[in-house]
Amino acid sequence: MNRDPEPASSPDGPPAAQPGKGFKARKREDHALVLIEELRATLSDISRVKRILIELGRYYDPVLGGSIMDIPHQRQIVAALEAGRTETAQALIEARYASYIKDRAHLGRREEDR
């Protein structure tokens, strides 16, 4: 039987923690940020954009006091894309992203946001 080696332990305490494991070693992933990145990358696919916006509308943000992407913003983004105004849609997304990420250093801002 091939077993993983036991972690080193001190004679008078519990086994030593393995590197890379445990609560502090794991970075919390914010699924909303992943969806926002995906949204930015798929602006040419309106049906995909709509699905992502609906999903973002399900995430509650207590700081904003509502969903991350509320229905009026969703409608404005879709209307801009359907009218061919990609820059307007991008500006709306970026404004909502800025509101969401503000005061959230723990979420791991992108380098250009720092």
C-alpha atoms as a PDB file:
ATOM      1  CA  MET A   1       0.000   0.000   0.000  1.00  0.00           C
ATOM      2  CA  ASN A   2       1.424   3.377  -1.084  1.00  0.00           C
ATOM      3  CA  ARG A   3       0.554   6.087   1.423  1.00  0.00           C
ATOM      4  CA  ASP A   4       1.372   9.761   1.444  1.00  0.00           C
ATOM      5  CA  PRO A   5       3.995  10.668   4.015  1.00  0.00           C
ATOM      6  CA  GLU A   6       2.665  11.897   7.325  1.00  0.00           C
ATOM      7  CA  PRO A   7       3.226  15.591   8.046  1.00  0.00           C
ATOM      8  CA  ALA A   8       6.007  16.369  10.460  1.00  0.00           C
ATOM      9  CA  SER A   9       4.845  16.825  14.005  1.00  0.00           C
ATOM     10  CA  SER A  10       6.350  18.248  17.100  1.00  0.00           C
ATOM     11  CA  PRO A  11       6.532  15.955  20.118  1.00  0.00           C
ATOM     12  CA  ASP A  12       4.151  18.077  22.165  1.00  0.00           C
ATOM     13  CA  GLY A  13       1.718  19.448  19.563  1.00  0.00           C
ATOM     14  CA  PRO A  14      -0.464  18.665  16.593  1.00  0.00           C
ATOM     15  CA  PRO A  15       0.977  17.812  13.178  1.00  0.00           C
ATOM     16  CA  ALA A  16       2.525  20.727  11.317  1.00  0.00           C
ATOM     17  CA  ALA A  17       0.387  22.243   8.585  1.00  0.00           C
ATOM     18  CA  GLN A  18       1.275  21.371   5.029  1.00  0.00           C
ATOM     19  CA  PRO A  19       2.184  24.346   2.845  1.00  0.00           C
ATOM     20  CA  GLY A  20      -0.572  25.460   0.476  1.00  0.00           C
ATOM     21  CA  LYS A  21      -3.392  24.065   2.565  1.00  0.00           C
ATOM     22  CA  GLY A  22      -5.761  25.656   4.965  1.00  0.00           C
ATOM     23  CA  PHE A  23      -8.033  28.655   5.053  1.00  0.00           C
ATOM     24  CA  LYS A  24      -5.411  31.387   4.792  1.00  0.00           C
ATOM     25  CA  ALA A  25      -3.631  29.714   1.898  1.00  0.00           C
ATOM     26  CA  ARG A  26      -6.753  29.762  -0.278  1.00  0.00           C
ATOM     27  CA  LYS A  27      -7.740  32.902  -2.067  1.00  0.00           C
ATOM     28  CA  ARG A  28     -11.459  33.510  -2.171  1.00  0.00           C
ATOM     29  CA  GLU A  29     -12.698  33.529  -5.732  1.00  0.00           C
ATOM     30  CA  ASP A  30     -15.321  36.117  -6.559  1.00  0.00           C
ATOM     31  CA  HIS A  31     -17.552  34.587  -9.211  1.00  0.00           C
ATOM     32  CA  ALA A  32     -19.013  37.980 -10.071  1.00  0.00           C
ATOM     33  CA  LEU A  33     -15.580  39.207 -11.158  1.00  0.00           C
ATOM     34  CA  VAL A  34     -15.164  36.118 -13.321  1.00  0.00           C
ATOM     35  CA  LEU A  35     -18.522  36.845 -14.965  1.00  0.00           C
ATOM     36  CA  ILE A  36     -17.631  40.496 -15.506  1.00  0.00           C
ATOM     37  CA  GLU A  37     -14.401  39.460 -17.238  1.00  0.00           C
ATOM     38  CA  GLU A  38     -16.372  37.031 -19.400  1.00  0.00           C
ATOM     39  CA  LEU A  39     -18.898  39.775 -20.166  1.00  0.00           C
ATOM     40  CA  ARG A  40     -16.128  42.086 -21.334  1.00  0.00           C
ATOM     41  CA  ALA A  41     -14.753  39.379 -23.606  1.00  0.00           C
ATOM     42  CA  THR A  42     -18.083  38.412 -25.237  1.00  0.00           C
ATOM     43  CA  LEU A  43     -19.704  41.724 -26.161  1.00  0.00           C
ATOM     44  CA  SER A  44     -20.091  40.577 -29.770  1.00  0.00           C
ATOM     45  CA  ASP A  45     -22.373  37.687 -28.710  1.00  0.00           C
ATOM     46  CA  ILE A  46     -25.569  39.380 -27.500  1.00  0.00           C
ATOM     47  CA  SER A  47     -27.278  36.158 -26.421  1.00  0.00           C
ATOM     48  CA  ARG A  48     -24.265  35.280 -24.243  1.00  0.00           C
ATOM     49  CA  VAL A  49     -24.185  38.828 -22.875  1.00  0.00           C
ATOM     50  CA  LYS A  50     -27.840  38.529 -21.863  1.00  0.00           C
ATOM     51  CA  ARG A  51     -27.190  35.257 -20.008  1.00  0.00           C
ATOM     52  CA  ILE A  52     -24.204  36.741 -18.168  1.00  0.00           C
ATOM     53  CA  LEU A  53     -26.168  39.862 -17.238  1.00  0.00           C
ATOM     54  CA  ILE A  54     -28.997  37.739 -15.846  1.00  0.00           C
ATOM     55  CA  GLU A  55     -26.481  35.788 -13.774  1.00  0.00           C
ATOM     56  CA  LEU A  56     -24.888  39.013 -12.501  1.00  0.00           C
ATOM     57  CA  GLY A  57     -28.357  40.223 -11.582  1.00  0.00           C
ATOM     58  CA  ARG A  58     -28.613  37.287  -9.172  1.00  0.00           C
ATOM     59  CA  TYR A  59     -25.577  38.372  -7.165  1.00  0.00           C
ATOM     60  CA  TYR A  60     -26.464  40.714  -4.310  1.00  0.00           C
ATOM     61  CA  ASP A  61     -24.064  43.464  -3.337  1.00  0.00           C
ATOM     62  CA  PRO A  62     -24.738  44.856   0.145  1.00  0.00           C
ATOM     63  CA  VAL A  63     -22.592  47.922  -0.523  1.00  0.00           C
ATOM     64  CA  LEU A  64     -24.587  48.868  -3.619  1.00  0.00           C
ATOM     65  CA  GLY A  65     -27.781  47.817  -1.884  1.00  0.00           C
ATOM     66  CA  GLY A  66     -28.952  45.636  -4.732  1.00  0.00           C
ATOM     67  CA  SER A  67     -27.777  43.340  -7.444  1.00  0.00           C
ATOM     68  CA  ILE A  68     -24.362  43.779  -9.008  1.00  0.00           C
ATOM     69  CA  MET A  69     -25.985  44.325 -12.389  1.00  0.00           C
ATOM     70  CA  ASP A  70     -29.514  45.600 -11.860  1.00  0.00           C
ATOM     71  CA  ILE A  71     -32.238  45.392 -14.506  1.00  0.00           C
ATOM     72  CA  PRO A  72     -31.991  49.008 -15.739  1.00  0.00           C
ATOM     73  CA  HIS A  73     -28.245  48.566 -16.338  1.00  0.00           C
ATOM     74  CA  GLN A  74     -28.848  45.231 -18.048  1.00  0.00           C
ATOM     75  CA  ARG A  75     -31.362  46.825 -20.401  1.00  0.00           C
ATOM     76  CA  GLN A  76     -29.082  49.777 -21.169  1.00  0.00           C
ATOM     77  CA  ILE A  77     -26.157  47.476 -21.992  1.00  0.00           C
ATOM     78  CA  VAL A  78     -28.228  45.227 -24.253  1.00  0.00           C
ATOM     79  CA  ALA A  79     -29.856  48.212 -25.991  1.00  0.00           C
ATOM     80  CA  ALA A  80     -26.438  49.766 -26.629  1.00  0.00           C
ATOM     81  CA  LEU A  81     -25.091  46.523 -28.079  1.00  0.00           C
ATOM     82  CA  GLU A  82     -28.155  45.986 -30.254  1.00  0.00           C
ATOM     83  CA  ALA A  83     -27.751  49.538 -31.581  1.00  0.00           C
ATOM     84  CA  GLY A  84     -24.069  48.848 -32.348  1.00  0.00           C
ATOM     85  CA  ARG A  85     -22.779  51.161 -29.621  1.00  0.00           C
ATOM     86  CA  THR A  86     -20.192  48.822 -28.121  1.00  0.00           C
ATOM     87  CA  GLU A  87     -18.263  51.698 -26.528  1.00  0.00           C
ATOM     88  CA  THR A  88     -21.386  52.803 -24.644  1.00  0.00           C
ATOM     89  CA  ALA A  89     -21.985  49.245 -23.410  1.00  0.00           C
ATOM     90  CA  GLN A  90     -18.357  48.969 -22.316  1.00  0.00           C
ATOM     91  CA  ALA A  91     -18.601  52.286 -20.444  1.00  0.00           C
ATOM     92  CA  LEU A  92     -21.749  51.100 -18.627  1.00  0.00           C
ATOM     93  CA  ILE A  93     -20.044  47.836 -17.661  1.00  0.00           C
ATOM     94  CA  GLU A  94     -16.928  49.644 -16.466  1.00  0.00           C
ATOM     95  CA  ALA A  95     -18.973  52.104 -14.401  1.00  0.00           C
ATOM     96  CA  ARG A  96     -20.840  49.276 -12.695  1.00  0.00           C
ATOM     97  CA  TYR A  97     -17.571  47.358 -12.194  1.00  0.00           C
ATOM     98  CA  ALA A  98     -15.980  50.439 -10.607  1.00  0.00           C
ATOM     99  CA  SER A  99     -18.927  50.769  -8.209  1.00  0.00           C
ATOM    100  CA  TYR A 100     -18.660  47.097  -7.311  1.00  0.00           C
ATOM    101  CA  ILE A 101     -14.883  46.856  -6.833  1.00  0.00           C
ATOM    102  CA  LYS A 102     -14.529  50.153  -4.932  1.00  0.00           C
ATOM    103  CA  ASP A 103     -13.504  49.535  -1.308  1.00  0.00           C
ATOM    104  CA  ARG A 104     -12.941  45.830  -1.917  1.00  0.00           C
ATOM    105  CA  ALA A 105      -9.178  45.362  -1.839  1.00  0.00           C
ATOM    106  CA  HIS A 106      -9.720  41.757  -0.719  1.00  0.00           C
ATOM    107  CA  LEU A 107     -11.207  40.856  -4.120  1.00  0.00           C
ATOM    108  CA  GLY A 108      -7.898  41.159  -5.952  1.00  0.00           C
ATOM    109  CA  ARG A 109      -8.267  44.085  -8.282  1.00  0.00           C
ATOM    110  CA  ARG A 110      -6.792  43.933 -11.742  1.00  0.00           C
ATOM    111  CA  GLU A 111      -3.379  45.564 -12.113  1.00  0.00           C
ATOM    112  CA  GLU A 112      -4.725  48.497 -14.164  1.00  0.00           C
ATOM    113  CA  ASP A 113      -7.282  49.267 -11.407  1.00  0.00           C
ATOM    114  CA  ARG A 114      -4.625  49.789  -8.733  1.00  0.00           C
END
